[in-house]
Amino acid sequence: MEAPEILAAPVNVIAKKGFVSMENLSKIYPNGTVALQDVNLTINEGEFLCFVGPSGCGKSTIFKIITGLSAPSTGTLDVFGTTPKEARKQSDISFVFQDHTLLPWSTVESNVRLPLELRGVDKKTQKQEAERVLEMVGLKDYMKVLPRQLSGGMKMRVSIARALVSRPKLLLMDEPFGALDEITRQTLQNELLNIWQQDKKMTVLFVTHNVFESVFLSTSVVVMTARPGKISGQIDIPVPFPRDDEYRTSTQFNELVRQVSAALHH
């Protein structure tokens, strides 16, 4: 099998407009820390993009800028043809953190309904949508349960369901499986891909430190350098979906892991 080509990301080149477009994006914090420098990236609708890189390379900073929680120091970011803040107002962006961030005093159903409740959606629709997404993550029978009664993996499923309840165009996931054991992690990876395949228009951006996870999940892996964060390469993962556990032990999987690892350590 011919090894996939490692494509170097352009520097100081204006990218073509896509679903999400970053052009010469830089972020310098007030203390002088350069978190990002000249990041250029075009993300197309329906992609599943994984970001890998050393700690402090700016992966989470990119996510904060996309959601409008932070502003770039220089450069531009276009999200669905508008600004990040406007896209967030339209409820087209959802975020899943490494910590499940569930309200401990609320039931699973109430936690999942929260985004719709805050938008003033009627209670009947809230319930219907909560049931829909909880069935997707296999937790429909746990709607009346409190978070403390759930395992770590189940709590993360609830967090994912809450992110999906508003039917987002863009789902951002910042190391959501990082604190889970390997068996639970692989199970949730499989389930996440199944959910993503049900809605091919949903675009997923996923931050991970795990090279194996990035190669299993993504259509493309974006490799970032140590601070100041730059894109050092982008590697396409030309493996069709659905992907199963046999893929994890295949020669093609191992070759792609090798290439992403090589780009990461270059």
C-alpha atoms as a PDB file:
ATOM      1  CA  MET A   1       0.000   0.000   0.000  1.00  0.00           C
ATOM      2  CA  GLU A   2       1.299   3.413  -0.899  1.00  0.00           C
ATOM      3  CA  ALA A   3       1.734   5.548   2.195  1.00  0.00           C
ATOM      4  CA  PRO A   4      -0.491   8.679   2.376  1.00  0.00           C
ATOM      5  CA  GLU A   5       1.364  11.893   1.694  1.00  0.00           C
ATOM      6  CA  ILE A   6       2.055  14.311   4.524  1.00  0.00           C
ATOM      7  CA  LEU A   7       0.895  17.714   3.372  1.00  0.00           C
ATOM      8  CA  ALA A   8       2.628  20.713   4.870  1.00  0.00           C
ATOM      9  CA  ALA A   9       0.243  23.455   5.883  1.00  0.00           C
ATOM     10  CA  PRO A  10       0.743  26.755   4.038  1.00  0.00           C
ATOM     11  CA  VAL A  11       2.230  29.614   6.009  1.00  0.00           C
ATOM     12  CA  ASN A  12       1.333  33.247   5.332  1.00  0.00           C
ATOM     13  CA  VAL A  13      -0.981  32.199   2.505  1.00  0.00           C
ATOM     14  CA  ILE A  14      -4.644  33.172   2.480  1.00  0.00           C
ATOM     15  CA  ALA A  15      -6.732  30.004   2.362  1.00  0.00           C
ATOM     16  CA  LYS A  16      -9.853  29.585   0.255  1.00  0.00           C
ATOM     17  CA  LYS A  17     -13.096  30.196   2.102  1.00  0.00           C
ATOM     18  CA  GLY A  18     -14.543  27.030   3.593  1.00  0.00           C
ATOM     19  CA  PHE A  19     -17.035  26.034   6.256  1.00  0.00           C
ATOM     20  CA  VAL A  20     -14.508  27.387   8.748  1.00  0.00           C
ATOM     21  CA  SER A  21     -11.559  29.422   7.472  1.00  0.00           C
ATOM     22  CA  MET A  22      -8.536  30.681   9.417  1.00  0.00           C
ATOM     23  CA  GLU A  23      -6.215  33.158   7.726  1.00  0.00           C
ATOM     24  CA  ASN A  24      -2.900  34.166   9.304  1.00  0.00           C
ATOM     25  CA  LEU A  25      -4.433  33.620  12.748  1.00  0.00           C
ATOM     26  CA  SER A  26      -2.266  34.623  15.716  1.00  0.00           C
ATOM     27  CA  LYS A  27      -2.937  34.968  19.430  1.00  0.00           C
ATOM     28  CA  ILE A  28      -0.711  36.836  21.857  1.00  0.00           C
ATOM     29  CA  TYR A  29      -1.803  36.997  25.491  1.00  0.00           C
ATOM     30  CA  PRO A  30      -1.333  40.143  27.624  1.00  0.00           C
ATOM     31  CA  ASN A  31       1.655  38.557  29.401  1.00  0.00           C
ATOM     32  CA  GLY A  32       3.429  38.264  26.044  1.00  0.00           C
ATOM     33  CA  THR A  33       2.849  34.541  25.502  1.00  0.00           C
ATOM     34  CA  VAL A  34       2.471  33.757  21.789  1.00  0.00           C
ATOM     35  CA  ALA A  35      -0.087  30.951  21.776  1.00  0.00           C
ATOM     36  CA  LEU A  36      -0.700  30.854  18.003  1.00  0.00           C
ATOM     37  CA  GLN A  37       1.282  32.178  15.064  1.00  0.00           C
ATOM     38  CA  ASP A  38       0.183  32.441  11.418  1.00  0.00           C
ATOM     39  CA  VAL A  39      -2.329  29.587  11.466  1.00  0.00           C
ATOM     40  CA  ASN A  40      -3.968  28.959   8.082  1.00  0.00           C
ATOM     41  CA  LEU A  41      -6.602  26.246   7.833  1.00  0.00           C
ATOM     42  CA  THR A  42      -9.713  25.578   5.784  1.00  0.00           C
ATOM     43  CA  ILE A  43     -12.272  23.143   7.211  1.00  0.00           C
ATOM     44  CA  ASN A  44     -15.018  21.790   4.960  1.00  0.00           C
ATOM     45  CA  GLU A  45     -18.536  20.840   5.981  1.00  0.00           C
ATOM     46  CA  GLY A  46     -18.900  17.263   7.178  1.00  0.00           C
ATOM     47  CA  GLU A  47     -15.241  16.732   8.064  1.00  0.00           C
ATOM     48  CA  PHE A  48     -14.033  15.030  11.230  1.00  0.00           C
ATOM     49  CA  LEU A  49     -10.781  16.830  11.980  1.00  0.00           C
ATOM     50  CA  CYS A  50      -8.452  15.848  14.825  1.00  0.00           C
ATOM     51  CA  PHE A  51      -5.850  18.232  16.246  1.00  0.00           C
ATOM     52  CA  VAL A  52      -2.726  16.720  17.826  1.00  0.00           C
ATOM     53  CA  GLY A  53       0.294  18.433  19.319  1.00  0.00           C
ATOM     54  CA  PRO A  54       2.274  18.898  22.535  1.00  0.00           C
ATOM     55  CA  SER A  55       0.704  20.511  25.592  1.00  0.00           C
ATOM     56  CA  GLY A  56       0.470  24.277  25.277  1.00  0.00           C
ATOM     57  CA  CYS A  57       0.599  24.302  21.471  1.00  0.00           C
ATOM     58  CA  GLY A  58      -2.615  26.309  21.123  1.00  0.00           C
ATOM     59  CA  LYS A  59      -5.161  23.610  20.266  1.00  0.00           C
ATOM     60  CA  SER A  60      -7.605  24.769  22.942  1.00  0.00           C
ATOM     61  CA  THR A  61      -6.913  28.408  22.046  1.00  0.00           C
ATOM     62  CA  ILE A  62      -8.099  27.727  18.489  1.00  0.00           C
ATOM     63  CA  PHE A  63     -11.322  26.290  19.914  1.00  0.00           C
ATOM     64  CA  LYS A  64     -11.877  29.348  22.117  1.00  0.00           C
ATOM     65  CA  ILE A  65     -11.438  31.628  19.100  1.00  0.00           C
ATOM     66  CA  ILE A  66     -13.834  29.549  16.977  1.00  0.00           C
ATOM     67  CA  THR A  67     -16.516  29.766  19.681  1.00  0.00           C
ATOM     68  CA  GLY A  68     -16.006  33.508  20.104  1.00  0.00           C
ATOM     69  CA  LEU A  69     -14.806  33.136  23.707  1.00  0.00           C
ATOM     70  CA  SER A  70     -11.474  34.685  22.733  1.00  0.00           C
ATOM     71  CA  ALA A  71     -10.458  37.057  19.945  1.00  0.00           C
ATOM     72  CA  PRO A  72      -7.409  36.622  17.696  1.00  0.00           C
ATOM     73  CA  SER A  73      -4.630  39.182  18.026  1.00  0.00           C
ATOM     74  CA  THR A  74      -4.127  39.228  14.251  1.00  0.00           C
ATOM     75  CA  GLY A  75      -5.613  37.435  11.281  1.00  0.00           C
ATOM     76  CA  THR A  76      -9.212  36.503  10.525  1.00  0.00           C
ATOM     77  CA  LEU A  77     -11.587  33.663  11.279  1.00  0.00           C
ATOM     78  CA  ASP A  78     -14.734  32.985   9.270  1.00  0.00           C
ATOM     79  CA  VAL A  79     -17.349  30.570  10.658  1.00  0.00           C
ATOM     80  CA  PHE A  80     -20.257  29.652   8.348  1.00  0.00           C
ATOM     81  CA  GLY A  81     -19.685  32.914   6.503  1.00  0.00           C
ATOM     82  CA  THR A  82     -20.033  35.043   9.635  1.00  0.00           C
ATOM     83  CA  THR A  83     -18.196  35.883  12.868  1.00  0.00           C
ATOM     84  CA  PRO A  84     -17.689  33.297  15.639  1.00  0.00           C
ATOM     85  CA  LYS A  85     -19.892  35.239  18.083  1.00  0.00           C
ATOM     86  CA  GLU A  86     -22.721  35.441  15.555  1.00  0.00           C
ATOM     87  CA  ALA A  87     -22.435  31.729  14.772  1.00  0.00           C
ATOM     88  CA  ARG A  88     -22.634  30.940  18.492  1.00  0.00           C
ATOM     89  CA  LYS A  89     -25.722  33.128  18.890  1.00  0.00           C
ATOM     90  CA  GLN A  90     -27.411  31.022  16.229  1.00  0.00           C
ATOM     91  CA  SER A  91     -26.791  27.927  18.396  1.00  0.00           C
ATOM     92  CA  ASP A  92     -24.878  26.321  15.519  1.00  0.00           C
ATOM     93  CA  ILE A  93     -21.824  25.482  17.659  1.00  0.00           C
ATOM     94  CA  SER A  94     -21.652  23.014  20.555  1.00  0.00           C
ATOM     95  CA  PHE A  95     -18.729  22.217  22.846  1.00  0.00           C
ATOM     96  CA  VAL A  96     -17.753  19.071  24.784  1.00  0.00           C
ATOM     97  CA  PHE A  97     -15.025  19.492  27.407  1.00  0.00           C
ATOM     98  CA  GLN A  98     -12.711  16.912  28.976  1.00  0.00           C
ATOM     99  CA  ASP A  99     -14.733  17.304  32.177  1.00  0.00           C
ATOM    100  CA  HIS A 100     -18.395  16.384  31.652  1.00  0.00           C
ATOM    101  CA  THR A 101     -19.505  19.663  33.407  1.00  0.00           C
ATOM    102  CA  LEU A 102     -22.908  18.230  34.351  1.00  0.00           C
ATOM    103  CA  LEU A 103     -25.099  19.920  36.970  1.00  0.00           C
ATOM    104  CA  PRO A 104     -24.934  17.461  39.903  1.00  0.00           C
ATOM    105  CA  TRP A 105     -28.371  18.375  41.267  1.00  0.00           C
ATOM    106  CA  SER A 106     -30.174  17.859  37.925  1.00  0.00           C
ATOM    107  CA  THR A 107     -31.277  14.610  36.329  1.00  0.00           C
ATOM    108  CA  VAL A 108     -29.763  13.334  33.106  1.00  0.00           C
ATOM    109  CA  GLU A 109     -32.804  14.577  31.206  1.00  0.00           C
ATOM    110  CA  SER A 110     -32.619  18.048  32.764  1.00  0.00           C
ATOM    111  CA  ASN A 111     -28.907  18.336  31.988  1.00  0.00           C
ATOM    112  CA  VAL A 112     -29.493  17.427  28.354  1.00  0.00           C
ATOM    113  CA  ARG A 113     -32.490  19.750  27.988  1.00  0.00           C
ATOM    114  CA  LEU A 114     -30.600  22.741  29.406  1.00  0.00           C
ATOM    115  CA  PRO A 115     -29.386  24.274  26.073  1.00  0.00           C
ATOM    116  CA  LEU A 116     -32.940  24.201  24.701  1.00  0.00           C
ATOM    117  CA  GLU A 117     -34.377  25.559  27.941  1.00  0.00           C
ATOM    118  CA  LEU A 118     -31.959  28.508  27.821  1.00  0.00           C
ATOM    119  CA  ARG A 119     -33.121  29.242  24.265  1.00  0.00           C
ATOM    120  CA  GLY A 120     -36.769  29.288  25.336  1.00  0.00           C
ATOM    121  CA  VAL A 121     -37.768  26.153  23.415  1.00  0.00           C
ATOM    122  CA  ASP A 122     -41.129  24.739  24.518  1.00  0.00           C
ATOM    123  CA  LYS A 123     -41.048  21.905  27.058  1.00  0.00           C
ATOM    124  CA  LYS A 124     -42.607  19.321  24.746  1.00  0.00           C
ATOM    125  CA  THR A 125     -39.864  19.832  22.172  1.00  0.00           C
ATOM    126  CA  GLN A 126     -37.236  19.830  24.927  1.00  0.00           C
ATOM    127  CA  LYS A 127     -38.407  16.401  26.074  1.00  0.00           C
ATOM    128  CA  GLN A 128     -38.613  14.987  22.549  1.00  0.00           C
ATOM    129  CA  GLU A 129     -35.130  16.185  21.654  1.00  0.00           C
ATOM    130  CA  ALA A 130     -33.666  14.948  24.934  1.00  0.00           C
ATOM    131  CA  GLU A 131     -35.142  11.504  24.336  1.00  0.00           C
ATOM    132  CA  ARG A 132     -33.775  11.526  20.769  1.00  0.00           C
ATOM    133  CA  VAL A 133     -30.162  12.242  21.719  1.00  0.00           C
ATOM    134  CA  LEU A 134     -30.164  10.063  24.850  1.00  0.00           C
ATOM    135  CA  GLU A 135     -31.300   7.167  22.698  1.00  0.00           C
ATOM    136  CA  MET A 136     -28.422   7.942  20.316  1.00  0.00           C
ATOM    137  CA  VAL A 137     -25.897   7.600  23.170  1.00  0.00           C
ATOM    138  CA  GLY A 138     -27.640   4.575  24.718  1.00  0.00           C
ATOM    139  CA  LEU A 139     -28.914   6.294  27.858  1.00  0.00           C
ATOM    140  CA  LYS A 140     -32.653   6.685  27.285  1.00  0.00           C
ATOM    141  CA  ASP A 141     -33.350   4.438  30.286  1.00  0.00           C
ATOM    142  CA  TYR A 142     -31.337   6.757  32.561  1.00  0.00           C
ATOM    143  CA  MET A 143     -33.275   9.993  32.016  1.00  0.00           C
ATOM    144  CA  LYS A 144     -34.338  10.368  35.665  1.00  0.00           C
ATOM    145  CA  VAL A 145     -30.949   9.421  37.143  1.00  0.00           C
ATOM    146  CA  LEU A 146     -28.585  11.926  38.797  1.00  0.00           C
ATOM    147  CA  PRO A 147     -24.991  12.269  37.509  1.00  0.00           C
ATOM    148  CA  ARG A 148     -23.493  10.843  40.723  1.00  0.00           C
ATOM    149  CA  GLN A 149     -25.161   7.524  39.920  1.00  0.00           C
ATOM    150  CA  LEU A 150     -23.350   7.221  36.578  1.00  0.00           C
ATOM    151  CA  SER A 151     -19.914   5.938  35.621  1.00  0.00           C
ATOM    152  CA  GLY A 152     -17.343   8.234  34.015  1.00  0.00           C
ATOM    153  CA  GLY A 153     -18.136   6.939  30.554  1.00  0.00           C
ATOM    154  CA  MET A 154     -21.870   7.407  31.059  1.00  0.00           C
ATOM    155  CA  LYS A 155     -21.347  10.975  32.262  1.00  0.00           C
ATOM    156  CA  MET A 156     -19.410  11.712  29.078  1.00  0.00           C
ATOM    157  CA  ARG A 157     -22.261  10.229  27.026  1.00  0.00           C
ATOM    158  CA  VAL A 158     -24.634  12.648  28.745  1.00  0.00           C
ATOM    159  CA  SER A 159     -22.284  15.540  27.969  1.00  0.00           C
ATOM    160  CA  ILE A 160     -22.205  14.515  24.302  1.00  0.00           C
ATOM    161  CA  ALA A 161     -25.993  14.204  24.250  1.00  0.00           C
ATOM    162  CA  ARG A 162     -26.329  17.711  25.692  1.00  0.00           C
ATOM    163  CA  ALA A 163     -24.047  19.041  22.944  1.00  0.00           C
ATOM    164  CA  LEU A 164     -26.096  17.295  20.253  1.00  0.00           C
ATOM    165  CA  VAL A 165     -29.537  18.324  21.478  1.00  0.00           C
ATOM    166  CA  SER A 166     -29.454  21.655  19.632  1.00  0.00           C
ATOM    167  CA  ARG A 167     -28.528  19.914  16.349  1.00  0.00           C
ATOM    168  CA  PRO A 168     -25.270  21.876  15.871  1.00  0.00           C
ATOM    169  CA  LYS A 169     -23.511  22.396  12.564  1.00  0.00           C
ATOM    170  CA  LEU A 170     -20.158  22.337  14.339  1.00  0.00           C
ATOM    171  CA  LEU A 171     -19.224  20.132  17.304  1.00  0.00           C
ATOM    172  CA  LEU A 172     -16.007  21.001  19.161  1.00  0.00           C
ATOM    173  CA  MET A 173     -14.566  18.314  21.454  1.00  0.00           C
ATOM    174  CA  ASP A 174     -11.579  19.191  23.652  1.00  0.00           C
ATOM    175  CA  GLU A 175      -9.983  15.920  24.843  1.00  0.00           C
ATOM    176  CA  PRO A 176     -13.367  14.460  25.863  1.00  0.00           C
ATOM    177  CA  PHE A 177     -12.061  10.913  26.398  1.00  0.00           C
ATOM    178  CA  GLY A 178      -8.716  11.810  27.993  1.00  0.00           C
ATOM    179  CA  ALA A 179      -9.664  10.774  31.546  1.00  0.00           C
ATOM    180  CA  LEU A 180     -11.318   7.467  30.613  1.00  0.00           C
ATOM    181  CA  ASP A 181      -9.892   3.947  30.710  1.00  0.00           C
ATOM    182  CA  GLU A 182      -8.864   2.460  27.347  1.00  0.00           C
ATOM    183  CA  ILE A 183     -11.823   0.081  26.968  1.00  0.00           C
ATOM    184  CA  THR A 184     -14.372   2.835  27.689  1.00  0.00           C
ATOM    185  CA  ARG A 185     -12.433   5.212  25.456  1.00  0.00           C
ATOM    186  CA  GLN A 186     -12.526   2.863  22.465  1.00  0.00           C
ATOM    187  CA  THR A 187     -16.228   2.158  23.016  1.00  0.00           C
ATOM    188  CA  LEU A 188     -17.036   5.879  22.995  1.00  0.00           C
ATOM    189  CA  GLN A 189     -14.876   6.401  19.909  1.00  0.00           C
ATOM    190  CA  ASN A 190     -16.997   3.827  18.075  1.00  0.00           C
ATOM    191  CA  GLU A 191     -20.213   5.401  19.314  1.00  0.00           C
ATOM    192  CA  LEU A 192     -19.086   8.912  18.372  1.00  0.00           C
ATOM    193  CA  LEU A 193     -18.346   7.830  14.807  1.00  0.00           C
ATOM    194  CA  ASN A 194     -21.782   6.175  14.597  1.00  0.00           C
ATOM    195  CA  ILE A 195     -23.429   9.413  15.734  1.00  0.00           C
ATOM    196  CA  TRP A 196     -21.383  11.509  13.303  1.00  0.00           C
ATOM    197  CA  GLN A 197     -22.311   9.209  10.414  1.00  0.00           C
ATOM    198  CA  GLN A 198     -25.989   9.711  11.157  1.00  0.00           C
ATOM    199  CA  ASP A 199     -25.568  13.415  10.372  1.00  0.00           C
ATOM    200  CA  LYS A 200     -23.033  13.808   7.568  1.00  0.00           C
ATOM    201  CA  LYS A 201     -23.483  17.592   7.586  1.00  0.00           C
ATOM    202  CA  MET A 202     -22.220  17.918  11.163  1.00  0.00           C
ATOM    203  CA  THR A 203     -18.566  18.907  11.279  1.00  0.00           C
ATOM    204  CA  VAL A 204     -16.486  17.668  14.225  1.00  0.00           C
ATOM    205  CA  LEU A 205     -13.245  19.219  15.503  1.00  0.00           C
ATOM    206  CA  PHE A 206     -11.564  16.998  18.070  1.00  0.00           C
ATOM    207  CA  VAL A 207      -8.510  17.765  20.224  1.00  0.00           C
ATOM    208  CA  THR A 208      -6.493  14.799  21.470  1.00  0.00           C
ATOM    209  CA  HIS A 209      -2.983  13.919  22.651  1.00  0.00           C
ATOM    210  CA  ASN A 210      -3.542  10.332  21.521  1.00  0.00           C
ATOM    211  CA  VAL A 211      -2.199   9.619  18.020  1.00  0.00           C
ATOM    212  CA  PHE A 212      -4.039   6.279  17.836  1.00  0.00           C
ATOM    213  CA  GLU A 213      -7.321   8.036  18.632  1.00  0.00           C
ATOM    214  CA  SER A 214      -6.744  10.687  15.971  1.00  0.00           C
ATOM    215  CA  VAL A 215      -6.074   8.101  13.252  1.00  0.00           C
ATOM    216  CA  PHE A 216      -9.095   6.020  14.207  1.00  0.00           C
ATOM    217  CA  LEU A 217     -11.578   8.884  14.317  1.00  0.00           C
ATOM    218  CA  SER A 218     -10.677  11.452  11.719  1.00  0.00           C
ATOM    219  CA  THR A 219     -10.900  12.207   8.045  1.00  0.00           C
ATOM    220  CA  SER A 220      -7.759  14.304   8.518  1.00  0.00           C
ATOM    221  CA  VAL A 221      -5.231  14.959  11.292  1.00  0.00           C
ATOM    222  CA  VAL A 222      -3.849  18.461  11.882  1.00  0.00           C
ATOM    223  CA  VAL A 223      -0.414  18.367  13.532  1.00  0.00           C
ATOM    224  CA  MET A 224       0.679  21.388  15.553  1.00  0.00           C
ATOM    225  CA  THR A 225       4.084  22.493  16.799  1.00  0.00           C
ATOM    226  CA  ALA A 226       5.103  23.463  20.302  1.00  0.00           C
ATOM    227  CA  ARG A 227       4.447  27.071  21.310  1.00  0.00           C
ATOM    228  CA  PRO A 228       4.114  29.291  19.410  1.00  0.00           C
ATOM    229  CA  GLY A 229       1.477  27.024  17.898  1.00  0.00           C
ATOM    230  CA  LYS A 230       1.691  26.546  14.156  1.00  0.00           C
ATOM    231  CA  ILE A 231       0.346  23.895  11.807  1.00  0.00           C
ATOM    232  CA  SER A 232       3.316  21.784  10.796  1.00  0.00           C
ATOM    233  CA  GLY A 233       1.375  19.301   8.714  1.00  0.00           C
ATOM    234  CA  GLN A 234      -2.002  17.879   7.776  1.00  0.00           C
ATOM    235  CA  ILE A 235      -2.382  14.175   7.068  1.00  0.00           C
ATOM    236  CA  ASP A 236      -5.445  12.790   5.329  1.00  0.00           C
ATOM    237  CA  ILE A 237      -6.804   9.484   6.641  1.00  0.00           C
ATOM    238  CA  PRO A 238      -8.063   7.797   3.439  1.00  0.00           C
ATOM    239  CA  VAL A 239      -9.966   5.011   5.185  1.00  0.00           C
ATOM    240  CA  PRO A 240     -13.709   4.667   4.498  1.00  0.00           C
ATOM    241  CA  PHE A 241     -16.367   4.662   7.195  1.00  0.00           C
ATOM    242  CA  PRO A 242     -17.686   2.839   9.115  1.00  0.00           C
ATOM    243  CA  ARG A 243     -14.472   1.822  10.859  1.00  0.00           C
ATOM    244  CA  ASP A 244     -14.333  -1.142  13.211  1.00  0.00           C
ATOM    245  CA  ASP A 245     -11.942  -2.674  15.722  1.00  0.00           C
ATOM    246  CA  GLU A 246     -10.190  -4.671  12.982  1.00  0.00           C
ATOM    247  CA  TYR A 247      -9.000  -1.382  11.522  1.00  0.00           C
ATOM    248  CA  ARG A 248      -7.180  -0.652  14.804  1.00  0.00           C
ATOM    249  CA  THR A 249      -4.835  -3.595  14.199  1.00  0.00           C
ATOM    250  CA  SER A 250      -4.474  -3.274  10.434  1.00  0.00           C
ATOM    251  CA  THR A 251      -1.264  -2.524   8.559  1.00  0.00           C
ATOM    252  CA  GLN A 252      -2.841   0.643   7.146  1.00  0.00           C
ATOM    253  CA  PHE A 253      -3.728   1.912  10.624  1.00  0.00           C
ATOM    254  CA  ASN A 254      -0.206   1.286  11.912  1.00  0.00           C
ATOM    255  CA  GLU A 255       1.327   3.063   8.905  1.00  0.00           C
ATOM    256  CA  LEU A 256      -0.874   6.108   9.417  1.00  0.00           C
ATOM    257  CA  VAL A 257      -0.054   6.166  13.137  1.00  0.00           C
ATOM    258  CA  ARG A 258       3.633   6.062  12.205  1.00  0.00           C
ATOM    259  CA  GLN A 259       3.252   9.006   9.829  1.00  0.00           C
ATOM    260  CA  VAL A 260       1.309  11.159  12.295  1.00  0.00           C
ATOM    261  CA  SER A 261       3.837  10.331  15.016  1.00  0.00           C
ATOM    262  CA  ALA A 262       6.709  11.244  12.686  1.00  0.00           C
ATOM    263  CA  ALA A 263       5.069  14.572  11.845  1.00  0.00           C
ATOM    264  CA  LEU A 264       4.440  15.224  15.539  1.00  0.00           C
ATOM    265  CA  HIS A 265       8.090  14.662  16.464  1.00  0.00           C
ATOM    266  CA  HIS A 266       9.540  16.397  13.396  1.00  0.00           C
END
